[in-house]
Amino acid sequence: MAEDNTVLRPFTTFNFEVIFINPDDKETPVCEAEFSECDGLEMSIEPKTIREGGNNGQQVHLAGPTSYGQLSLKRGMTKRRNKGAYDLWRWFEEVQKNPGLRLNGEVIMYSSVRMDKKEVSAKFKLIKCMPVKLKAPALNAKEGQVAIEEMQIAYESVTFMNV
């Protein structure tokens, strides 16, 4: 029997990046950002319970509609300087002008042993994202706060992309 000497790394959550892409222009990301917290990558299926007549000891569960969470990003900054520093703010403003505007997104988790962000551990693809909340940090000259305190994003579906 051959030995498998593969070292499995822990699946950690502290190295991640969020990218938003216009579905019409997949080459140029609208925004690339990093946040200290990312929550809300979730989906749930509402079961439909059916009881068969005469079978009182058992019930049948059928898969009902799938619902998705709301992505919550906290304490973040965009990667690009100058023009890109306010990409998330601009996206929020554009949705106010054009309520049908949607972007696709990716949450990319990197390996805990990364040196230059080349080793991707997992990727989540978000379809038809819309910003629903954007909160700036408290303005305080003594503290060097980040540009975005919190951003919440609604999405229509999420897919786990195994890499």
N, C-alpha and C. Protein backbone atom coordinates (compact mmCIF):
# COMPACT_ATOMS: atom_id res chain seq x y z
N MET A 1 0.84 -1.18 0.00
CA MET A 1 0.00 0.00 0.00
C MET A 1 0.89 1.25 0.00
N ALA A 2 0.62 2.15 -0.92
CA ALA A 2 1.44 3.37 -1.04
C ALA A 2 1.04 4.37 0.04
N GLU A 3 2.07 5.06 0.56
CA GLU A 3 1.81 6.08 1.57
C GLU A 3 1.43 7.40 0.91
N ASP A 4 0.47 8.07 1.50
CA ASP A 4 0.08 9.40 1.02
C ASP A 4 0.66 10.42 1.98
N ASN A 5 1.67 11.16 1.54
CA ASN A 5 2.35 12.14 2.39
C ASN A 5 1.82 13.55 2.18
N THR A 6 0.62 13.67 1.65
CA THR A 6 0.05 14.99 1.41
C THR A 6 -0.25 15.67 2.74
N VAL A 7 0.23 16.88 2.89
CA VAL A 7 -0.05 17.66 4.09
C VAL A 7 -1.29 18.50 3.83
N LEU A 8 -2.31 18.28 4.64
CA LEU A 8 -3.54 19.06 4.49
C LEU A 8 -3.44 20.31 5.36
N ARG A 9 -3.66 21.44 4.74
CA ARG A 9 -3.65 22.71 5.46
C ARG A 9 -5.02 22.98 6.05
N PRO A 10 -5.10 23.65 7.17
CA PRO A 10 -6.42 23.98 7.72
C PRO A 10 -7.16 24.94 6.80
N PHE A 11 -8.47 24.79 6.75
CA PHE A 11 -9.32 25.65 5.92
C PHE A 11 -9.65 26.89 6.73
N THR A 12 -8.84 27.93 6.56
CA THR A 12 -8.97 29.13 7.38
C THR A 12 -9.78 30.20 6.68
N THR A 13 -10.21 31.20 7.42
CA THR A 13 -11.07 32.24 6.87
C THR A 13 -10.47 33.64 6.98
N PHE A 14 -9.21 33.76 7.33
CA PHE A 14 -8.68 35.10 7.53
C PHE A 14 -7.99 35.70 6.33
N ASN A 15 -7.85 34.99 5.24
CA ASN A 15 -7.24 35.53 4.03
C ASN A 15 -8.27 35.50 2.92
N PHE A 16 -8.91 36.61 2.64
CA PHE A 16 -9.91 36.61 1.60
C PHE A 16 -9.98 37.96 0.91
N GLU A 17 -10.61 37.96 -0.25
CA GLU A 17 -10.74 39.15 -1.09
C GLU A 17 -12.13 39.11 -1.73
N VAL A 18 -12.69 40.28 -2.00
CA VAL A 18 -13.99 40.37 -2.64
C VAL A 18 -13.84 41.17 -3.92
N ILE A 19 -14.36 40.61 -5.02
CA ILE A 19 -14.28 41.27 -6.33
C ILE A 19 -15.68 41.37 -6.91
N PHE A 20 -16.02 42.53 -7.47
CA PHE A 20 -17.30 42.71 -8.15
C PHE A 20 -17.05 43.01 -9.62
N ILE A 21 -17.78 42.31 -10.49
CA ILE A 21 -17.56 42.37 -11.92
C ILE A 21 -18.87 42.66 -12.63
N ASN A 22 -18.83 43.55 -13.61
CA ASN A 22 -20.00 43.81 -14.44
C ASN A 22 -20.15 42.63 -15.40
N PRO A 23 -21.32 41.98 -15.42
CA PRO A 23 -21.49 40.81 -16.31
C PRO A 23 -21.29 41.14 -17.79
N ASP A 24 -21.48 42.40 -18.18
CA ASP A 24 -21.29 42.80 -19.57
C ASP A 24 -19.83 43.01 -19.94
N ASP A 25 -18.98 43.31 -18.94
CA ASP A 25 -17.55 43.55 -19.17
C ASP A 25 -16.77 42.71 -18.16
N LYS A 26 -16.57 41.44 -18.46
CA LYS A 26 -15.96 40.52 -17.51
C LYS A 26 -14.46 40.71 -17.36
N GLU A 27 -13.85 41.52 -18.20
CA GLU A 27 -12.41 41.71 -18.16
C GLU A 27 -11.96 42.66 -17.06
N THR A 28 -12.75 43.71 -16.82
CA THR A 28 -12.35 44.74 -15.88
C THR A 28 -13.21 44.70 -14.63
N PRO A 29 -12.64 44.36 -13.47
CA PRO A 29 -13.43 44.38 -12.23
C PRO A 29 -13.87 45.81 -11.91
N VAL A 30 -15.11 45.94 -11.46
CA VAL A 30 -15.61 47.25 -11.03
C VAL A 30 -14.96 47.62 -9.71
N CYS A 31 -14.75 46.62 -8.86
CA CYS A 31 -14.15 46.88 -7.57
C CYS A 31 -13.45 45.64 -7.05
N GLU A 32 -12.29 45.82 -6.48
CA GLU A 32 -11.57 44.78 -5.77
C GLU A 32 -11.30 45.32 -4.38
N ALA A 33 -11.73 44.60 -3.37
CA ALA A 33 -11.60 45.11 -2.00
C ALA A 33 -11.23 44.00 -1.04
N GLU A 34 -10.69 44.40 0.09
CA GLU A 34 -10.40 43.47 1.16
C GLU A 34 -11.05 44.00 2.42
N PHE A 35 -11.66 43.10 3.17
CA PHE A 35 -12.38 43.45 4.39
C PHE A 35 -11.85 42.61 5.54
N SER A 36 -12.05 43.11 6.75
CA SER A 36 -11.62 42.31 7.90
C SER A 36 -12.66 41.27 8.25
N GLU A 37 -13.93 41.47 7.84
CA GLU A 37 -14.98 40.49 8.10
C GLU A 37 -15.88 40.33 6.89
N CYS A 38 -16.29 39.10 6.66
CA CYS A 38 -17.23 38.78 5.58
C CYS A 38 -18.18 37.73 6.11
N ASP A 39 -19.46 38.05 6.13
CA ASP A 39 -20.47 37.14 6.67
C ASP A 39 -21.67 37.12 5.74
N GLY A 40 -22.42 36.04 5.75
CA GLY A 40 -23.64 35.99 4.97
C GLY A 40 -23.57 35.14 3.72
N LEU A 41 -22.51 34.36 3.55
CA LEU A 41 -22.46 33.41 2.44
C LEU A 41 -23.30 32.22 2.87
N GLU A 42 -24.57 32.27 2.54
CA GLU A 42 -25.45 31.21 3.00
C GLU A 42 -26.59 30.97 2.04
N MET A 43 -27.11 29.75 2.10
CA MET A 43 -28.30 29.40 1.35
C MET A 43 -29.05 28.36 2.16
N SER A 44 -30.36 28.38 2.03
CA SER A 44 -31.18 27.42 2.76
C SER A 44 -32.35 26.99 1.89
N ILE A 45 -32.75 25.76 2.10
CA ILE A 45 -33.90 25.20 1.38
C ILE A 45 -35.02 25.01 2.38
N GLU A 46 -36.17 25.54 2.05
CA GLU A 46 -37.33 25.38 2.92
C GLU A 46 -38.00 24.05 2.59
N PRO A 47 -37.98 23.10 3.53
CA PRO A 47 -38.58 21.80 3.21
C PRO A 47 -40.10 21.87 3.20
N LYS A 48 -40.69 21.11 2.30
CA LYS A 48 -42.14 20.95 2.23
C LYS A 48 -42.44 19.58 2.82
N THR A 49 -43.23 19.55 3.85
CA THR A 49 -43.55 18.29 4.52
C THR A 49 -44.89 17.77 4.04
N ILE A 50 -44.89 16.50 3.66
CA ILE A 50 -46.12 15.85 3.19
C ILE A 50 -46.36 14.63 4.07
N ARG A 51 -47.58 14.49 4.52
CA ARG A 51 -47.97 13.31 5.29
C ARG A 51 -48.86 12.45 4.40
N GLU A 52 -48.44 11.21 4.25
CA GLU A 52 -49.23 10.29 3.45
C GLU A 52 -50.41 9.79 4.26
N GLY A 53 -51.53 9.67 3.60
CA GLY A 53 -52.72 9.16 4.28
C GLY A 53 -52.52 7.73 4.73
N GLY A 54 -52.86 7.45 5.98
CA GLY A 54 -52.74 6.11 6.53
C GLY A 54 -51.36 5.80 7.08
N ASN A 55 -50.36 6.64 6.83
CA ASN A 55 -49.00 6.42 7.34
C ASN A 55 -48.73 7.47 8.41
N ASN A 56 -49.16 7.18 9.65
CA ASN A 56 -49.05 8.15 10.74
C ASN A 56 -47.67 8.22 11.37
N GLY A 57 -46.82 7.27 11.09
CA GLY A 57 -45.51 7.23 11.73
C GLY A 57 -44.39 7.83 10.90
N GLN A 58 -44.72 8.37 9.75
CA GLN A 58 -43.65 8.87 8.87
C GLN A 58 -44.16 10.06 8.07
N GLN A 59 -43.25 10.93 7.74
CA GLN A 59 -43.57 12.06 6.86
C GLN A 59 -42.51 12.14 5.77
N VAL A 60 -42.87 12.74 4.66
CA VAL A 60 -41.97 12.86 3.52
C VAL A 60 -41.57 14.33 3.41
N HIS A 61 -40.26 14.59 3.24
CA HIS A 61 -39.76 15.96 3.06
C HIS A 61 -39.35 16.15 1.61
N LEU A 62 -39.89 17.17 0.99
CA LEU A 62 -39.51 17.55 -0.37
C LEU A 62 -38.77 18.88 -0.31
N ALA A 63 -37.86 19.06 -1.24
CA ALA A 63 -37.11 20.33 -1.30
C ALA A 63 -38.02 21.44 -1.81
N GLY A 64 -38.11 22.50 -1.04
CA GLY A 64 -38.88 23.68 -1.44
C GLY A 64 -37.97 24.71 -2.06
N PRO A 65 -38.40 25.97 -2.05
CA PRO A 65 -37.57 27.02 -2.67
C PRO A 65 -36.29 27.29 -1.88
N THR A 66 -35.26 27.70 -2.61
CA THR A 66 -33.98 28.04 -2.00
C THR A 66 -33.95 29.55 -1.75
N SER A 67 -33.48 29.93 -0.57
CA SER A 67 -33.31 31.35 -0.28
C SER A 67 -31.84 31.59 0.06
N TYR A 68 -31.42 32.82 -0.14
CA TYR A 68 -30.01 33.17 0.03
C TYR A 68 -29.87 34.27 1.07
N GLY A 69 -28.71 34.32 1.69
CA GLY A 69 -28.43 35.32 2.72
C GLY A 69 -28.11 36.68 2.12
N GLN A 70 -27.62 37.52 2.97
CA GLN A 70 -27.20 38.86 2.56
C GLN A 70 -25.76 39.02 3.01
N LEU A 71 -24.87 39.31 2.08
CA LEU A 71 -23.46 39.43 2.38
C LEU A 71 -23.21 40.68 3.21
N SER A 72 -22.51 40.52 4.30
CA SER A 72 -22.17 41.64 5.17
C SER A 72 -20.65 41.75 5.22
N LEU A 73 -20.13 42.86 4.73
CA LEU A 73 -18.69 43.12 4.69
C LEU A 73 -18.38 44.24 5.67
N LYS A 74 -17.37 44.04 6.50
CA LYS A 74 -17.05 45.05 7.52
C LYS A 74 -15.59 45.45 7.44
N ARG A 75 -15.38 46.73 7.70
CA ARG A 75 -14.06 47.35 7.76
C ARG A 75 -13.20 46.98 6.56
N GLY A 76 -13.49 47.64 5.45
CA GLY A 76 -12.79 47.32 4.22
C GLY A 76 -12.23 48.50 3.49
N MET A 77 -11.38 48.19 2.54
CA MET A 77 -10.77 49.19 1.68
C MET A 77 -10.63 48.60 0.29
N THR A 78 -10.76 49.44 -0.71
CA THR A 78 -10.53 48.97 -2.07
C THR A 78 -9.03 48.95 -2.33
N LYS A 79 -8.64 48.13 -3.29
CA LYS A 79 -7.22 47.94 -3.56
C LYS A 79 -6.61 49.05 -4.40
N ARG A 80 -7.40 49.59 -5.33
CA ARG A 80 -6.85 50.58 -6.24
C ARG A 80 -6.83 51.96 -5.59
N ARG A 81 -5.80 52.70 -5.85
CA ARG A 81 -5.67 54.05 -5.30
C ARG A 81 -6.32 55.07 -6.24
N ASN A 82 -6.47 56.26 -5.75
CA ASN A 82 -7.02 57.38 -6.51
C ASN A 82 -8.42 57.07 -7.02
N LYS A 83 -8.57 56.80 -8.31
CA LYS A 83 -9.90 56.59 -8.90
C LYS A 83 -10.63 55.41 -8.30
N GLY A 84 -9.94 54.36 -7.88
CA GLY A 84 -10.59 53.16 -7.37
C GLY A 84 -10.93 53.21 -5.90
N ALA A 85 -10.49 54.26 -5.21
CA ALA A 85 -10.68 54.30 -3.76
C ALA A 85 -12.14 54.37 -3.35
N TYR A 86 -13.00 54.84 -4.21
CA TYR A 86 -14.41 54.99 -3.85
C TYR A 86 -15.32 54.18 -4.76
N ASP A 87 -14.83 53.08 -5.30
CA ASP A 87 -15.61 52.26 -6.22
C ASP A 87 -16.91 51.76 -5.61
N LEU A 88 -16.87 51.31 -4.36
CA LEU A 88 -18.07 50.79 -3.72
C LEU A 88 -19.10 51.89 -3.50
N TRP A 89 -18.63 53.10 -3.16
CA TRP A 89 -19.54 54.23 -3.01
C TRP A 89 -20.19 54.58 -4.35
N ARG A 90 -19.38 54.57 -5.40
CA ARG A 90 -19.91 54.88 -6.74
C ARG A 90 -20.94 53.83 -7.19
N TRP A 91 -20.67 52.57 -6.90
CA TRP A 91 -21.60 51.51 -7.27
C TRP A 91 -22.94 51.72 -6.57
N PHE A 92 -22.89 52.07 -5.29
CA PHE A 92 -24.12 52.32 -4.54
C PHE A 92 -24.90 53.49 -5.17
N GLU A 93 -24.20 54.56 -5.53
CA GLU A 93 -24.84 55.71 -6.17
C GLU A 93 -25.42 55.36 -7.53
N GLU A 94 -24.73 54.52 -8.30
CA GLU A 94 -25.22 54.11 -9.62
C GLU A 94 -26.50 53.29 -9.51
N VAL A 95 -26.60 52.46 -8.47
CA VAL A 95 -27.82 51.66 -8.27
C VAL A 95 -28.99 52.58 -7.92
N GLN A 96 -28.73 53.67 -7.23
CA GLN A 96 -29.81 54.64 -6.95
C GLN A 96 -30.34 55.23 -8.24
N LYS A 97 -29.47 55.50 -9.19
CA LYS A 97 -29.87 56.08 -10.47
C LYS A 97 -30.49 55.02 -11.39
N ASN A 98 -29.94 53.81 -11.37
CA ASN A 98 -30.38 52.72 -12.22
C ASN A 98 -30.70 51.51 -11.33
N PRO A 99 -31.94 51.39 -10.82
CA PRO A 99 -32.28 50.33 -9.86
C PRO A 99 -32.09 48.91 -10.40
N GLY A 100 -32.00 48.73 -11.70
CA GLY A 100 -31.81 47.39 -12.27
C GLY A 100 -30.36 46.98 -12.40
N LEU A 101 -29.42 47.86 -12.04
CA LEU A 101 -27.99 47.56 -12.18
C LEU A 101 -27.58 46.47 -11.19
N ARG A 102 -26.96 45.42 -11.70
CA ARG A 102 -26.47 44.33 -10.87
C ARG A 102 -25.06 43.96 -11.30
N LEU A 103 -24.25 43.57 -10.34
CA LEU A 103 -22.91 43.08 -10.60
C LEU A 103 -22.80 41.64 -10.11
N ASN A 104 -21.89 40.89 -10.68
CA ASN A 104 -21.56 39.58 -10.15
C ASN A 104 -20.37 39.74 -9.23
N GLY A 105 -20.26 38.86 -8.27
CA GLY A 105 -19.17 38.99 -7.31
C GLY A 105 -18.48 37.67 -7.04
N GLU A 106 -17.29 37.77 -6.47
CA GLU A 106 -16.54 36.60 -6.05
C GLU A 106 -15.94 36.88 -4.68
N VAL A 107 -16.06 35.91 -3.80
CA VAL A 107 -15.34 35.95 -2.53
C VAL A 107 -14.29 34.86 -2.64
N ILE A 108 -13.04 35.26 -2.60
CA ILE A 108 -11.93 34.33 -2.81
C ILE A 108 -11.20 34.14 -1.48
N MET A 109 -11.08 32.88 -1.08
CA MET A 109 -10.34 32.55 0.14
C MET A 109 -8.98 31.99 -0.26
N TYR A 110 -7.94 32.54 0.34
CA TYR A 110 -6.58 32.13 0.03
C TYR A 110 -6.04 31.17 1.10
N SER A 111 -5.05 30.40 0.72
CA SER A 111 -4.42 29.45 1.63
C SER A 111 -3.77 30.20 2.79
N SER A 112 -3.71 29.54 3.94
CA SER A 112 -3.09 30.16 5.11
C SER A 112 -1.58 30.25 4.98
N VAL A 113 -1.01 29.56 4.01
CA VAL A 113 0.45 29.60 3.81
C VAL A 113 0.83 30.48 2.64
N ARG A 114 -0.05 31.34 2.22
CA ARG A 114 0.21 32.15 1.04
C ARG A 114 1.32 33.18 1.31
N MET A 115 2.03 33.48 0.27
CA MET A 115 3.03 34.53 0.34
C MET A 115 2.62 35.69 -0.56
N ASP A 116 2.07 35.39 -1.70
CA ASP A 116 1.72 36.43 -2.65
C ASP A 116 0.32 36.23 -3.22
N LYS A 117 -0.57 35.66 -2.44
CA LYS A 117 -1.97 35.46 -2.82
C LYS A 117 -2.14 34.65 -4.10
N LYS A 118 -1.32 33.68 -4.31
CA LYS A 118 -1.42 32.87 -5.52
C LYS A 118 -2.22 31.59 -5.27
N GLU A 119 -2.22 31.09 -4.05
CA GLU A 119 -2.84 29.81 -3.75
C GLU A 119 -4.27 30.00 -3.24
N VAL A 120 -5.24 29.75 -4.12
CA VAL A 120 -6.65 29.91 -3.78
C VAL A 120 -7.15 28.63 -3.14
N SER A 121 -7.79 28.74 -1.97
CA SER A 121 -8.36 27.57 -1.29
C SER A 121 -9.79 27.32 -1.71
N ALA A 122 -10.57 28.39 -1.85
CA ALA A 122 -11.98 28.25 -2.21
C ALA A 122 -12.45 29.55 -2.84
N LYS A 123 -13.51 29.44 -3.61
CA LYS A 123 -14.07 30.61 -4.27
C LYS A 123 -15.60 30.48 -4.25
N PHE A 124 -16.27 31.58 -3.89
CA PHE A 124 -17.72 31.65 -3.91
C PHE A 124 -18.13 32.65 -4.99
N LYS A 125 -19.00 32.25 -5.88
CA LYS A 125 -19.45 33.13 -6.95
C LYS A 125 -20.85 33.62 -6.60
N LEU A 126 -21.02 34.94 -6.57
CA LEU A 126 -22.31 35.57 -6.26
C LEU A 126 -22.89 36.13 -7.55
N ILE A 127 -24.16 35.86 -7.79
CA ILE A 127 -24.81 36.30 -9.02
C ILE A 127 -25.81 37.41 -8.71
N LYS A 128 -25.79 38.44 -9.54
CA LYS A 128 -26.71 39.58 -9.49
C LYS A 128 -26.73 40.25 -8.11
N CYS A 129 -25.61 40.84 -7.77
CA CYS A 129 -25.44 41.52 -6.48
C CYS A 129 -25.96 42.95 -6.55
N MET A 130 -26.54 43.38 -5.44
CA MET A 130 -27.03 44.75 -5.32
C MET A 130 -26.68 45.27 -3.93
N PRO A 131 -26.03 46.41 -3.83
CA PRO A 131 -25.73 46.96 -2.51
C PRO A 131 -27.01 47.46 -1.84
N VAL A 132 -27.18 47.13 -0.57
CA VAL A 132 -28.38 47.57 0.14
C VAL A 132 -28.06 48.44 1.35
N LYS A 133 -26.80 48.45 1.77
CA LYS A 133 -26.41 49.31 2.90
C LYS A 133 -24.93 49.64 2.76
N LEU A 134 -24.60 50.88 3.02
CA LEU A 134 -23.21 51.33 2.99
C LEU A 134 -23.03 52.31 4.14
N LYS A 135 -22.08 52.00 5.01
CA LYS A 135 -21.89 52.82 6.21
C LYS A 135 -20.43 53.24 6.31
N ALA A 136 -20.22 54.53 6.44
CA ALA A 136 -18.87 55.07 6.62
C ALA A 136 -18.49 54.96 8.10
N PRO A 137 -17.19 54.93 8.40
CA PRO A 137 -16.78 54.91 9.80
C PRO A 137 -16.98 56.28 10.43
N ALA A 138 -16.95 56.31 11.74
CA ALA A 138 -16.99 57.59 12.44
C ALA A 138 -15.76 58.40 12.05
N LEU A 139 -15.95 59.66 11.80
CA LEU A 139 -14.83 60.51 11.39
C LEU A 139 -14.13 61.03 12.64
N ASN A 140 -12.88 60.57 12.81
CA ASN A 140 -12.12 60.92 13.99
C ASN A 140 -10.66 61.10 13.54
N ALA A 141 -10.13 62.30 13.71
CA ALA A 141 -8.79 62.60 13.24
C ALA A 141 -7.70 61.84 14.00
N LYS A 142 -8.00 61.37 15.21
CA LYS A 142 -7.00 60.66 16.00
C LYS A 142 -6.79 59.23 15.53
N GLU A 143 -7.79 58.68 14.88
CA GLU A 143 -7.71 57.27 14.49
C GLU A 143 -7.64 57.16 12.97
N GLY A 144 -6.89 56.21 12.49
CA GLY A 144 -6.78 55.96 11.06
C GLY A 144 -7.78 54.89 10.63
N GLN A 145 -9.05 55.24 10.62
CA GLN A 145 -10.08 54.27 10.27
C GLN A 145 -10.05 53.95 8.78
N VAL A 146 -10.63 52.81 8.43
CA VAL A 146 -10.71 52.40 7.04
C VAL A 146 -11.84 53.14 6.35
N ALA A 147 -11.87 53.05 5.02
CA ALA A 147 -12.80 53.84 4.23
C ALA A 147 -14.24 53.37 4.32
N ILE A 148 -14.47 52.10 4.62
CA ILE A 148 -15.82 51.56 4.68
C ILE A 148 -15.97 50.80 5.98
N GLU A 149 -16.93 51.18 6.79
CA GLU A 149 -17.19 50.48 8.04
C GLU A 149 -17.99 49.21 7.79
N GLU A 150 -19.06 49.34 6.99
CA GLU A 150 -19.90 48.17 6.72
C GLU A 150 -20.62 48.34 5.39
N MET A 151 -20.73 47.23 4.68
CA MET A 151 -21.49 47.20 3.43
C MET A 151 -22.27 45.91 3.40
N GLN A 152 -23.56 46.01 3.07
CA GLN A 152 -24.39 44.82 2.94
C GLN A 152 -24.85 44.70 1.50
N ILE A 153 -24.81 43.47 1.00
CA ILE A 153 -25.10 43.21 -0.40
C ILE A 153 -26.08 42.05 -0.51
N ALA A 154 -27.17 42.29 -1.22
CA ALA A 154 -28.13 41.23 -1.51
C ALA A 154 -27.67 40.55 -2.80
N TYR A 155 -27.86 39.24 -2.87
CA TYR A 155 -27.48 38.50 -4.08
C TYR A 155 -28.57 37.47 -4.38
N GLU A 156 -28.67 37.11 -5.65
CA GLU A 156 -29.74 36.21 -6.09
C GLU A 156 -29.35 34.74 -5.99
N SER A 157 -28.06 34.42 -6.08
CA SER A 157 -27.62 33.04 -5.89
C SER A 157 -26.13 33.02 -5.57
N VAL A 158 -25.69 31.93 -4.96
CA VAL A 158 -24.29 31.74 -4.61
C VAL A 158 -23.91 30.32 -5.03
N THR A 159 -22.69 30.19 -5.55
CA THR A 159 -22.17 28.90 -5.96
C THR A 159 -20.78 28.73 -5.37
N PHE A 160 -20.55 27.56 -4.79
CA PHE A 160 -19.21 27.24 -4.26
C PHE A 160 -18.38 26.69 -5.41
N MET A 161 -17.25 27.32 -5.67
CA MET A 161 -16.36 26.90 -6.75
C MET A 161 -15.15 26.21 -6.14
N ASN A 162 -15.09 24.91 -6.19
CA ASN A 162 -13.95 24.17 -5.65
C ASN A 162 -12.74 24.35 -6.57
N VAL A 163 -11.62 24.73 -6.01
CA VAL A 163 -10.41 24.96 -6.83
C VAL A 163 -9.35 23.95 -6.52
